Amino acid sequence: MPEEQAFCVLVKIMYDYGLRALYKNNFEDLHCKFYQLEKLMQEQLPDLWAHFQELNLEAHMYASQWFLTLFTAKFPLCMVFHITDLLLCEVKAAQSGILGAL
């Protein structure tokens, strides 16, 4: 993709999909995501959550780079492409559903 088009996609992701909020106001939205991740782990993966609790391992210690880079920093490129495709498809579907309900 050309540089200008890539920049437009970045702007769209940051503003229209709400990812810019992760970086604002002392990272309040990011801390909310950590809380949500912890609660999801507690409900869906209680053994792993308990193990992390025993180790005093908190979500911000391992997940901040995931959220701030949209999983692009630590995963194989093919997985990054798939995650990005899923994210954009989900957001597009959510927007269509909301607009259709209006």
N, C-alpha and C. Protein backbone atom coordinates (compact mmCIF):
# COMPACT_ATOMS: atom_id res chain seq x y z
N MET A 1 0.84 -1.17 0.00
CA MET A 1 0.00 0.00 0.00
C MET A 1 0.89 1.24 0.00
N PRO A 2 0.53 2.24 -0.76
CA PRO A 2 1.33 3.47 -0.78
C PRO A 2 1.36 4.15 0.59
N GLU A 3 2.38 4.94 0.81
CA GLU A 3 2.59 5.60 2.09
C GLU A 3 1.39 6.46 2.50
N GLU A 4 0.85 7.22 1.57
CA GLU A 4 -0.28 8.10 1.89
C GLU A 4 -1.52 7.30 2.29
N GLN A 5 -1.76 6.20 1.61
CA GLN A 5 -2.90 5.36 1.93
C GLN A 5 -2.71 4.70 3.30
N ALA A 6 -1.49 4.27 3.61
CA ALA A 6 -1.20 3.68 4.91
C ALA A 6 -1.44 4.70 6.03
N PHE A 7 -1.05 5.94 5.79
CA PHE A 7 -1.30 6.98 6.78
C PHE A 7 -2.79 7.20 6.98
N CYS A 8 -3.56 7.18 5.92
CA CYS A 8 -5.01 7.33 6.02
C CYS A 8 -5.62 6.19 6.82
N VAL A 9 -5.12 4.99 6.63
CA VAL A 9 -5.62 3.84 7.40
C VAL A 9 -5.29 4.03 8.88
N LEU A 10 -4.08 4.49 9.18
CA LEU A 10 -3.69 4.76 10.56
C LEU A 10 -4.63 5.79 11.20
N VAL A 11 -4.89 6.88 10.49
CA VAL A 11 -5.78 7.91 11.01
C VAL A 11 -7.17 7.34 11.25
N LYS A 12 -7.65 6.54 10.31
CA LYS A 12 -8.98 5.93 10.44
C LYS A 12 -9.04 5.03 11.69
N ILE A 13 -8.02 4.21 11.87
CA ILE A 13 -7.98 3.31 13.04
C ILE A 13 -7.93 4.12 14.33
N MET A 14 -7.11 5.13 14.37
CA MET A 14 -6.93 5.91 15.60
C MET A 14 -8.19 6.70 15.97
N TYR A 15 -8.80 7.34 14.99
CA TYR A 15 -9.93 8.21 15.31
C TYR A 15 -11.27 7.50 15.22
N ASP A 16 -11.55 6.87 14.10
CA ASP A 16 -12.87 6.28 13.89
C ASP A 16 -13.10 5.02 14.72
N TYR A 17 -12.05 4.28 15.01
CA TYR A 17 -12.20 3.03 15.75
C TYR A 17 -11.85 3.19 17.22
N GLY A 18 -11.54 4.41 17.65
CA GLY A 18 -11.37 4.70 19.06
C GLY A 18 -10.04 4.29 19.68
N LEU A 19 -9.06 3.92 18.90
CA LEU A 19 -7.80 3.48 19.49
C LEU A 19 -6.95 4.64 19.99
N ARG A 20 -7.24 5.83 19.54
CA ARG A 20 -6.52 7.01 20.01
C ARG A 20 -6.73 7.22 21.51
N ALA A 21 -7.90 6.82 21.99
CA ALA A 21 -8.22 7.00 23.41
C ALA A 21 -7.26 6.23 24.31
N LEU A 22 -6.65 5.17 23.81
CA LEU A 22 -5.72 4.40 24.62
C LEU A 22 -4.52 5.26 25.07
N TYR A 23 -4.20 6.28 24.30
CA TYR A 23 -3.02 7.09 24.56
C TYR A 23 -3.32 8.39 25.30
N LYS A 24 -4.57 8.69 25.57
CA LYS A 24 -4.96 9.97 26.13
C LYS A 24 -5.24 9.88 27.63
N ASN A 25 -5.26 11.05 28.27
CA ASN A 25 -5.67 11.20 29.67
C ASN A 25 -4.99 10.20 30.60
N ASN A 26 -3.67 10.23 30.60
CA ASN A 26 -2.89 9.34 31.48
C ASN A 26 -3.20 7.87 31.23
N PHE A 27 -3.53 7.54 30.00
CA PHE A 27 -3.79 6.15 29.60
C PHE A 27 -4.98 5.54 30.35
N GLU A 28 -5.97 6.36 30.71
CA GLU A 28 -7.13 5.86 31.44
C GLU A 28 -7.84 4.73 30.69
N ASP A 29 -8.02 4.90 29.40
CA ASP A 29 -8.70 3.88 28.60
C ASP A 29 -7.88 2.58 28.56
N LEU A 30 -6.58 2.73 28.49
CA LEU A 30 -5.70 1.56 28.50
C LEU A 30 -5.82 0.80 29.83
N HIS A 31 -5.87 1.54 30.92
CA HIS A 31 -6.04 0.89 32.23
C HIS A 31 -7.39 0.19 32.33
N CYS A 32 -8.40 0.76 31.69
CA CYS A 32 -9.71 0.10 31.63
C CYS A 32 -9.61 -1.23 30.88
N LYS A 33 -8.84 -1.24 29.80
CA LYS A 33 -8.64 -2.49 29.04
C LYS A 33 -7.92 -3.53 29.88
N PHE A 34 -6.95 -3.10 30.69
CA PHE A 34 -6.26 -4.04 31.59
C PHE A 34 -7.25 -4.65 32.57
N TYR A 35 -8.11 -3.81 33.13
CA TYR A 35 -9.12 -4.30 34.07
C TYR A 35 -10.04 -5.31 33.40
N GLN A 36 -10.48 -4.99 32.18
CA GLN A 36 -11.36 -5.90 31.44
C GLN A 36 -10.65 -7.22 31.15
N LEU A 37 -9.37 -7.16 30.77
CA LEU A 37 -8.60 -8.37 30.51
C LEU A 37 -8.50 -9.23 31.77
N GLU A 38 -8.22 -8.60 32.89
CA GLU A 38 -8.12 -9.34 34.15
C GLU A 38 -9.44 -10.03 34.48
N LYS A 39 -10.54 -9.33 34.31
CA LYS A 39 -11.85 -9.91 34.63
C LYS A 39 -12.20 -11.04 33.67
N LEU A 40 -11.88 -10.87 32.40
CA LEU A 40 -12.12 -11.94 31.43
C LEU A 40 -11.30 -13.19 31.77
N MET A 41 -10.05 -12.96 32.14
CA MET A 41 -9.21 -14.10 32.54
C MET A 41 -9.76 -14.78 33.79
N GLN A 42 -10.19 -13.98 34.73
CA GLN A 42 -10.75 -14.53 35.96
C GLN A 42 -11.97 -15.41 35.67
N GLU A 43 -12.81 -14.97 34.74
CA GLU A 43 -14.02 -15.72 34.39
C GLU A 43 -13.74 -16.90 33.46
N GLN A 44 -12.91 -16.68 32.43
CA GLN A 44 -12.72 -17.68 31.38
C GLN A 44 -11.53 -18.61 31.60
N LEU A 45 -10.50 -18.12 32.28
CA LEU A 45 -9.28 -18.91 32.51
C LEU A 45 -8.88 -18.81 33.99
N PRO A 46 -9.73 -19.31 34.89
CA PRO A 46 -9.48 -19.11 36.32
C PRO A 46 -8.17 -19.71 36.82
N ASP A 47 -7.73 -20.82 36.26
CA ASP A 47 -6.46 -21.41 36.70
C ASP A 47 -5.28 -20.52 36.33
N LEU A 48 -5.29 -20.01 35.12
CA LEU A 48 -4.22 -19.11 34.69
C LEU A 48 -4.26 -17.83 35.51
N TRP A 49 -5.45 -17.30 35.72
CA TRP A 49 -5.60 -16.07 36.51
C TRP A 49 -5.06 -16.28 37.93
N ALA A 50 -5.38 -17.42 38.55
CA ALA A 50 -4.90 -17.73 39.90
C ALA A 50 -3.37 -17.84 39.91
N HIS A 51 -2.82 -18.46 38.88
CA HIS A 51 -1.36 -18.59 38.79
C HIS A 51 -0.71 -17.21 38.68
N PHE A 52 -1.28 -16.35 37.85
CA PHE A 52 -0.76 -14.99 37.72
C PHE A 52 -0.86 -14.24 39.06
N GLN A 53 -1.95 -14.47 39.80
CA GLN A 53 -2.11 -13.83 41.11
C GLN A 53 -1.02 -14.28 42.08
N GLU A 54 -0.72 -15.57 42.06
CA GLU A 54 0.34 -16.11 42.93
C GLU A 54 1.69 -15.47 42.60
N LEU A 55 1.92 -15.18 41.34
CA LEU A 55 3.18 -14.58 40.90
C LEU A 55 3.18 -13.05 41.00
N ASN A 56 2.03 -12.49 41.42
CA ASN A 56 1.84 -11.02 41.44
C ASN A 56 2.08 -10.42 40.06
N LEU A 57 1.61 -11.12 39.04
CA LEU A 57 1.75 -10.68 37.66
C LEU A 57 0.46 -9.99 37.23
N GLU A 58 0.56 -8.70 36.98
CA GLU A 58 -0.61 -7.91 36.61
C GLU A 58 -0.64 -7.70 35.10
N ALA A 59 -1.83 -7.45 34.59
CA ALA A 59 -2.03 -7.33 33.14
C ALA A 59 -1.13 -6.28 32.50
N HIS A 60 -0.92 -5.16 33.17
CA HIS A 60 -0.10 -4.10 32.57
C HIS A 60 1.34 -4.55 32.35
N MET A 61 1.76 -5.58 33.08
CA MET A 61 3.14 -6.05 32.95
C MET A 61 3.39 -6.81 31.65
N TYR A 62 2.35 -7.38 31.08
CA TYR A 62 2.55 -8.16 29.85
C TYR A 62 1.66 -7.71 28.70
N ALA A 63 0.62 -6.95 28.96
CA ALA A 63 -0.34 -6.64 27.89
C ALA A 63 -0.26 -5.22 27.35
N SER A 64 0.50 -4.34 27.98
CA SER A 64 0.52 -2.96 27.50
C SER A 64 1.02 -2.86 26.07
N GLN A 65 2.08 -3.58 25.75
CA GLN A 65 2.60 -3.53 24.38
C GLN A 65 1.62 -4.15 23.40
N TRP A 66 0.88 -5.17 23.83
CA TRP A 66 -0.12 -5.79 22.95
C TRP A 66 -1.15 -4.75 22.53
N PHE A 67 -1.73 -4.06 23.53
CA PHE A 67 -2.78 -3.10 23.23
C PHE A 67 -2.27 -1.90 22.47
N LEU A 68 -1.13 -1.37 22.85
CA LEU A 68 -0.62 -0.15 22.24
C LEU A 68 -0.10 -0.35 20.83
N THR A 69 0.24 -1.58 20.47
CA THR A 69 0.73 -1.84 19.11
C THR A 69 -0.24 -2.70 18.31
N LEU A 70 -1.43 -2.94 18.86
CA LEU A 70 -2.43 -3.82 18.22
C LEU A 70 -1.83 -5.19 17.90
N PHE A 71 -1.07 -5.71 18.84
CA PHE A 71 -0.51 -7.06 18.75
C PHE A 71 0.55 -7.22 17.66
N THR A 72 1.06 -6.12 17.13
CA THR A 72 2.02 -6.23 16.04
C THR A 72 3.45 -6.41 16.51
N ALA A 73 3.73 -6.19 17.78
CA ALA A 73 5.12 -6.21 18.25
C ALA A 73 5.64 -7.61 18.54
N LYS A 74 4.79 -8.52 18.95
CA LYS A 74 5.29 -9.80 19.46
C LYS A 74 4.80 -11.03 18.71
N PHE A 75 3.94 -10.86 17.76
CA PHE A 75 3.37 -12.01 17.07
C PHE A 75 3.92 -12.12 15.65
N PRO A 76 3.88 -13.32 15.07
CA PRO A 76 4.31 -13.48 13.67
C PRO A 76 3.46 -12.62 12.73
N LEU A 77 4.06 -12.18 11.66
CA LEU A 77 3.39 -11.27 10.74
C LEU A 77 2.08 -11.84 10.20
N CYS A 78 2.02 -13.13 9.91
CA CYS A 78 0.78 -13.71 9.38
C CYS A 78 -0.34 -13.60 10.43
N MET A 79 0.01 -13.75 11.71
CA MET A 79 -0.99 -13.61 12.75
C MET A 79 -1.41 -12.15 12.91
N VAL A 80 -0.47 -11.24 12.78
CA VAL A 80 -0.77 -9.81 12.85
C VAL A 80 -1.76 -9.43 11.75
N PHE A 81 -1.53 -9.91 10.54
CA PHE A 81 -2.45 -9.62 9.44
C PHE A 81 -3.85 -10.14 9.76
N HIS A 82 -3.92 -11.34 10.29
CA HIS A 82 -5.22 -11.94 10.61
C HIS A 82 -5.92 -11.15 11.72
N ILE A 83 -5.20 -10.78 12.76
CA ILE A 83 -5.78 -10.00 13.86
C ILE A 83 -6.28 -8.66 13.35
N THR A 84 -5.47 -8.00 12.52
CA THR A 84 -5.87 -6.71 11.98
C THR A 84 -7.11 -6.84 11.10
N ASP A 85 -7.16 -7.86 10.26
CA ASP A 85 -8.34 -8.10 9.44
C ASP A 85 -9.58 -8.31 10.30
N LEU A 86 -9.45 -9.13 11.33
CA LEU A 86 -10.58 -9.39 12.22
C LEU A 86 -11.03 -8.12 12.93
N LEU A 87 -10.08 -7.34 13.42
CA LEU A 87 -10.41 -6.09 14.09
C LEU A 87 -11.19 -5.16 13.17
N LEU A 88 -10.68 -4.96 11.97
CA LEU A 88 -11.34 -4.05 11.04
C LEU A 88 -12.70 -4.58 10.60
N CYS A 89 -12.83 -5.89 10.43
CA CYS A 89 -14.12 -6.48 10.06
C CYS A 89 -15.13 -6.34 11.19
N GLU A 90 -14.70 -6.55 12.43
CA GLU A 90 -15.59 -6.43 13.58
C GLU A 90 -16.08 -4.99 13.75
N VAL A 91 -15.16 -4.04 13.61
CA VAL A 91 -15.55 -2.64 13.75
C VAL A 91 -16.51 -2.25 12.64
N LYS A 92 -16.22 -2.68 11.43
CA LYS A 92 -17.10 -2.38 10.30
C LYS A 92 -18.48 -2.98 10.52
N ALA A 93 -18.54 -4.23 11.01
CA ALA A 93 -19.83 -4.88 11.27
C ALA A 93 -20.59 -4.16 12.38
N ALA A 94 -19.88 -3.74 13.41
CA ALA A 94 -20.52 -3.03 14.52
C ALA A 94 -21.08 -1.70 14.05
N GLN A 95 -20.31 -0.99 13.23
CA GLN A 95 -20.79 0.28 12.71
C GLN A 95 -22.01 0.08 11.82
N SER A 96 -22.01 -0.94 11.00
CA SER A 96 -23.15 -1.21 10.12
C SER A 96 -24.37 -1.55 10.94
N GLY A 97 -24.19 -2.34 12.00
CA GLY A 97 -25.31 -2.73 12.86
C GLY A 97 -25.91 -1.53 13.57
N ILE A 98 -25.05 -0.63 14.05
CA ILE A 98 -25.53 0.54 14.74
C ILE A 98 -26.26 1.47 13.78
N LEU A 99 -25.68 1.68 12.60
CA LEU A 99 -26.31 2.55 11.62
C LEU A 99 -27.62 1.94 11.11
N GLY A 100 -27.66 0.62 10.99
CA GLY A 100 -28.89 -0.05 10.54
C GLY A 100 -30.01 0.07 11.56
N ALA A 101 -29.66 0.16 12.84
CA ALA A 101 -30.65 0.24 13.90
C ALA A 101 -31.25 1.64 14.01
N LEU A 102 -30.54 2.61 13.44
CA LEU A 102 -31.04 4.01 13.51
C LEU A 102 -32.08 4.19 12.51
